[in-house]
């Protein structure tokens, strides 16, 4: 799995777990819905850590909690 897919899958899992929509995630994270959708639909190939931090703040989790999940355990190398 690549990093972008892992981030997308983690976001979808967290939304599903909390029963919130993508738009609700954007609202509670103080982000434009397009920013979140660009990550989820693969249009943002390099999401900024600040964007992920805002999402974590909106979900009331830490960055460590976000990245401490099975999605990030076996990532493919980004440098080849």
N, C-alpha and C. Protein backbone atom coordinates (compact mmCIF):
# COMPACT_ATOMS: atom_id res chain seq x y z
N UNK A 1 0.85 -1.17 0.00
CA UNK A 1 0.00 0.00 0.00
C UNK A 1 0.89 1.23 0.00
N UNK A 2 0.47 2.27 -0.74
CA UNK A 2 1.24 3.50 -0.74
C UNK A 2 0.70 4.46 0.33
N UNK A 3 1.43 5.51 0.60
CA UNK A 3 1.11 6.43 1.69
C UNK A 3 -0.22 7.15 1.45
N UNK A 4 -0.46 7.61 0.24
CA UNK A 4 -1.70 8.33 -0.05
C UNK A 4 -2.91 7.43 0.17
N UNK A 5 -2.83 6.19 -0.26
CA UNK A 5 -3.92 5.24 -0.05
C UNK A 5 -4.11 4.97 1.44
N UNK A 6 -3.02 4.86 2.18
CA UNK A 6 -3.10 4.63 3.62
C UNK A 6 -3.80 5.79 4.32
N UNK A 7 -3.46 7.02 3.94
CA UNK A 7 -4.11 8.19 4.54
C UNK A 7 -5.59 8.20 4.21
N UNK A 8 -5.91 7.95 2.95
CA UNK A 8 -7.31 7.91 2.54
C UNK A 8 -8.07 6.84 3.31
N UNK A 9 -7.53 5.65 3.37
CA UNK A 9 -8.21 4.56 4.07
C UNK A 9 -8.39 4.87 5.55
N UNK A 10 -7.38 5.50 6.15
CA UNK A 10 -7.48 5.85 7.57
C UNK A 10 -8.58 6.89 7.79
N UNK A 11 -8.65 7.89 6.92
CA UNK A 11 -9.69 8.91 7.05
C UNK A 11 -11.08 8.30 6.89
N UNK A 12 -11.23 7.44 5.91
CA UNK A 12 -12.53 6.79 5.69
C UNK A 12 -12.91 5.93 6.89
N UNK A 13 -11.94 5.22 7.44
CA UNK A 13 -12.19 4.38 8.61
C UNK A 13 -12.63 5.23 9.80
N UNK A 14 -11.94 6.35 10.02
CA UNK A 14 -12.28 7.22 11.15
C UNK A 14 -13.67 7.84 10.97
N UNK A 15 -14.00 8.23 9.75
CA UNK A 15 -15.34 8.78 9.49
C UNK A 15 -16.41 7.72 9.72
N UNK A 16 -16.15 6.53 9.24
CA UNK A 16 -17.10 5.43 9.41
C UNK A 16 -17.27 5.09 10.90
N UNK A 17 -16.16 5.04 11.61
CA UNK A 17 -16.16 4.73 13.03
C UNK A 17 -16.98 5.75 13.84
N UNK A 18 -16.92 7.01 13.41
CA UNK A 18 -17.63 8.08 14.11
C UNK A 18 -18.98 8.41 13.47
N UNK A 19 -19.28 7.73 12.38
CA UNK A 19 -20.53 7.94 11.65
C UNK A 19 -20.69 9.40 11.22
N UNK A 20 -19.63 9.95 10.61
CA UNK A 20 -19.68 11.31 10.10
C UNK A 20 -19.36 11.32 8.61
N UNK A 21 -19.88 12.32 7.93
CA UNK A 21 -19.65 12.46 6.49
C UNK A 21 -18.33 13.18 6.24
N UNK A 22 -17.93 13.17 4.99
CA UNK A 22 -16.73 13.89 4.58
C UNK A 22 -16.91 15.38 4.83
N UNK A 23 -18.08 15.91 4.52
CA UNK A 23 -18.35 17.33 4.76
C UNK A 23 -18.30 17.66 6.24
N UNK A 24 -18.83 16.78 7.08
CA UNK A 24 -18.77 16.99 8.53
C UNK A 24 -17.32 16.97 9.00
N UNK A 25 -16.52 16.05 8.47
CA UNK A 25 -15.11 16.00 8.81
C UNK A 25 -14.43 17.32 8.46
N UNK A 26 -14.72 17.85 7.29
CA UNK A 26 -14.14 19.13 6.88
C UNK A 26 -14.57 20.24 7.83
N UNK A 27 -15.85 20.26 8.20
CA UNK A 27 -16.38 21.30 9.08
C UNK A 27 -15.70 21.27 10.45
N UNK A 28 -15.63 20.10 11.06
CA UNK A 28 -15.05 20.01 12.40
C UNK A 28 -13.54 20.22 12.38
N UNK A 29 -12.94 20.11 11.19
CA UNK A 29 -11.50 20.29 11.05
C UNK A 29 -11.14 21.70 10.57
N UNK A 30 -12.15 22.53 10.37
CA UNK A 30 -11.96 23.91 9.89
C UNK A 30 -11.21 23.93 8.55
N UNK A 31 -11.59 23.00 7.68
CA UNK A 31 -10.99 22.90 6.35
C UNK A 31 -12.08 23.02 5.30
N UNK A 32 -11.73 23.52 4.12
CA UNK A 32 -12.71 23.49 3.03
C UNK A 32 -13.00 22.04 2.65
N UNK A 33 -14.24 21.71 2.36
CA UNK A 33 -14.55 20.34 1.94
C UNK A 33 -13.68 19.87 0.77
N UNK A 34 -13.32 20.77 -0.11
CA UNK A 34 -12.49 20.39 -1.26
C UNK A 34 -11.12 19.87 -0.82
N UNK A 35 -10.57 20.40 0.26
CA UNK A 35 -9.27 19.91 0.75
C UNK A 35 -9.35 18.46 1.19
N UNK A 36 -10.40 18.14 1.92
CA UNK A 36 -10.57 16.76 2.39
C UNK A 36 -10.89 15.84 1.21
N UNK A 37 -11.76 16.29 0.33
CA UNK A 37 -12.13 15.47 -0.83
C UNK A 37 -10.93 15.25 -1.75
N UNK A 38 -10.06 16.24 -1.89
CA UNK A 38 -8.87 16.06 -2.72
C UNK A 38 -7.97 14.96 -2.18
N UNK A 39 -7.88 14.85 -0.86
CA UNK A 39 -7.10 13.76 -0.26
C UNK A 39 -7.79 12.43 -0.52
N UNK A 40 -9.10 12.39 -0.29
CA UNK A 40 -9.84 11.14 -0.41
C UNK A 40 -9.94 10.63 -1.84
N UNK A 41 -10.00 11.54 -2.80
CA UNK A 41 -10.16 11.13 -4.19
C UNK A 41 -8.83 11.07 -4.95
N UNK A 42 -7.71 11.20 -4.21
CA UNK A 42 -6.41 11.02 -4.83
C UNK A 42 -5.92 12.19 -5.65
N UNK A 43 -6.58 13.34 -5.55
CA UNK A 43 -6.13 14.52 -6.30
C UNK A 43 -5.01 15.24 -5.56
N UNK A 44 -4.91 15.04 -4.26
CA UNK A 44 -3.82 15.61 -3.48
C UNK A 44 -2.80 14.51 -3.24
N UNK A 45 -1.70 14.58 -3.98
CA UNK A 45 -0.71 13.51 -3.91
C UNK A 45 0.31 13.72 -2.80
N UNK A 46 0.23 14.86 -2.13
CA UNK A 46 1.19 15.15 -1.06
C UNK A 46 0.51 16.04 -0.01
N UNK A 47 -0.47 15.48 0.73
CA UNK A 47 -1.16 16.31 1.71
C UNK A 47 -0.20 16.82 2.78
N UNK A 48 -0.37 18.08 3.14
CA UNK A 48 0.51 18.69 4.14
C UNK A 48 0.22 18.12 5.52
N UNK A 49 1.26 18.05 6.31
CA UNK A 49 1.10 17.55 7.67
C UNK A 49 0.18 18.47 8.47
N UNK A 50 0.18 19.76 8.17
CA UNK A 50 -0.72 20.69 8.86
C UNK A 50 -2.18 20.35 8.57
N UNK A 51 -2.47 19.95 7.35
CA UNK A 51 -3.84 19.54 7.00
C UNK A 51 -4.23 18.30 7.79
N UNK A 52 -3.34 17.33 7.87
CA UNK A 52 -3.63 16.11 8.63
C UNK A 52 -3.77 16.45 10.11
N UNK A 53 -2.94 17.38 10.61
CA UNK A 53 -3.04 17.80 12.02
C UNK A 53 -4.39 18.44 12.30
N UNK A 54 -4.88 19.28 11.39
CA UNK A 54 -6.19 19.91 11.57
C UNK A 54 -7.29 18.85 11.59
N UNK A 55 -7.17 17.85 10.75
CA UNK A 55 -8.15 16.75 10.75
C UNK A 55 -8.09 16.02 12.08
N UNK A 56 -6.90 15.76 12.56
CA UNK A 56 -6.75 15.10 13.87
C UNK A 56 -7.36 15.95 14.98
N UNK A 57 -7.12 17.25 14.93
CA UNK A 57 -7.71 18.15 15.94
C UNK A 57 -9.23 18.08 15.89
N UNK A 58 -9.79 18.08 14.68
CA UNK A 58 -11.24 17.98 14.53
C UNK A 58 -11.79 16.66 15.06
N UNK A 59 -11.03 15.61 14.90
CA UNK A 59 -11.45 14.29 15.38
C UNK A 59 -11.07 14.05 16.84
N UNK A 60 -10.35 15.02 17.41
CA UNK A 60 -9.89 14.94 18.80
C UNK A 60 -9.00 13.73 19.04
N UNK A 61 -8.06 13.56 18.09
CA UNK A 61 -7.02 12.53 18.23
C UNK A 61 -5.67 13.18 17.98
N UNK A 62 -4.62 12.52 18.39
CA UNK A 62 -3.28 13.03 18.13
C UNK A 62 -2.77 12.52 16.78
N UNK A 63 -1.72 13.15 16.30
CA UNK A 63 -1.08 12.64 15.09
C UNK A 63 -0.58 11.22 15.30
N UNK A 64 -0.07 10.95 16.50
CA UNK A 64 0.41 9.60 16.81
C UNK A 64 -0.73 8.59 16.70
N UNK A 65 -1.91 8.96 17.20
CA UNK A 65 -3.07 8.06 17.10
C UNK A 65 -3.49 7.87 15.65
N UNK A 66 -3.40 8.92 14.86
CA UNK A 66 -3.76 8.82 13.45
C UNK A 66 -2.86 7.82 12.74
N UNK A 67 -1.55 7.95 12.96
CA UNK A 67 -0.60 7.12 12.23
C UNK A 67 -0.37 5.75 12.87
N UNK A 68 -0.82 5.57 14.09
CA UNK A 68 -0.67 4.28 14.77
C UNK A 68 -1.86 3.38 14.42
N UNK A 69 -1.86 2.90 13.19
CA UNK A 69 -2.95 2.05 12.72
C UNK A 69 -2.41 1.09 11.67
N UNK A 70 -3.15 0.02 11.42
CA UNK A 70 -2.66 -0.99 10.47
C UNK A 70 -2.37 -0.44 9.07
N UNK A 71 -3.07 0.63 8.68
CA UNK A 71 -2.86 1.19 7.34
C UNK A 71 -1.41 1.62 7.12
N UNK A 72 -0.71 1.99 8.19
CA UNK A 72 0.64 2.53 8.04
C UNK A 72 1.74 1.55 8.39
N UNK A 73 1.40 0.31 8.68
CA UNK A 73 2.40 -0.66 9.12
C UNK A 73 3.31 -1.18 8.01
N UNK A 74 2.79 -1.38 6.83
CA UNK A 74 3.58 -1.99 5.75
C UNK A 74 3.55 -1.15 4.48
N UNK A 75 3.91 0.12 4.62
CA UNK A 75 3.89 1.00 3.46
C UNK A 75 5.03 0.68 2.50
N UNK A 76 4.75 0.89 1.23
CA UNK A 76 5.79 0.73 0.22
C UNK A 76 6.76 1.90 0.32
N UNK A 77 8.04 1.70 0.00
CA UNK A 77 8.98 2.81 0.01
C UNK A 77 8.57 3.88 -1.00
N UNK A 78 8.70 5.14 -0.61
CA UNK A 78 8.37 6.25 -1.52
C UNK A 78 9.54 6.58 -2.43
N UNK A 79 10.74 6.24 -2.00
CA UNK A 79 11.93 6.50 -2.81
C UNK A 79 12.39 5.18 -3.40
N UNK A 80 12.56 5.17 -4.69
CA UNK A 80 12.97 3.94 -5.38
C UNK A 80 14.21 4.16 -6.17
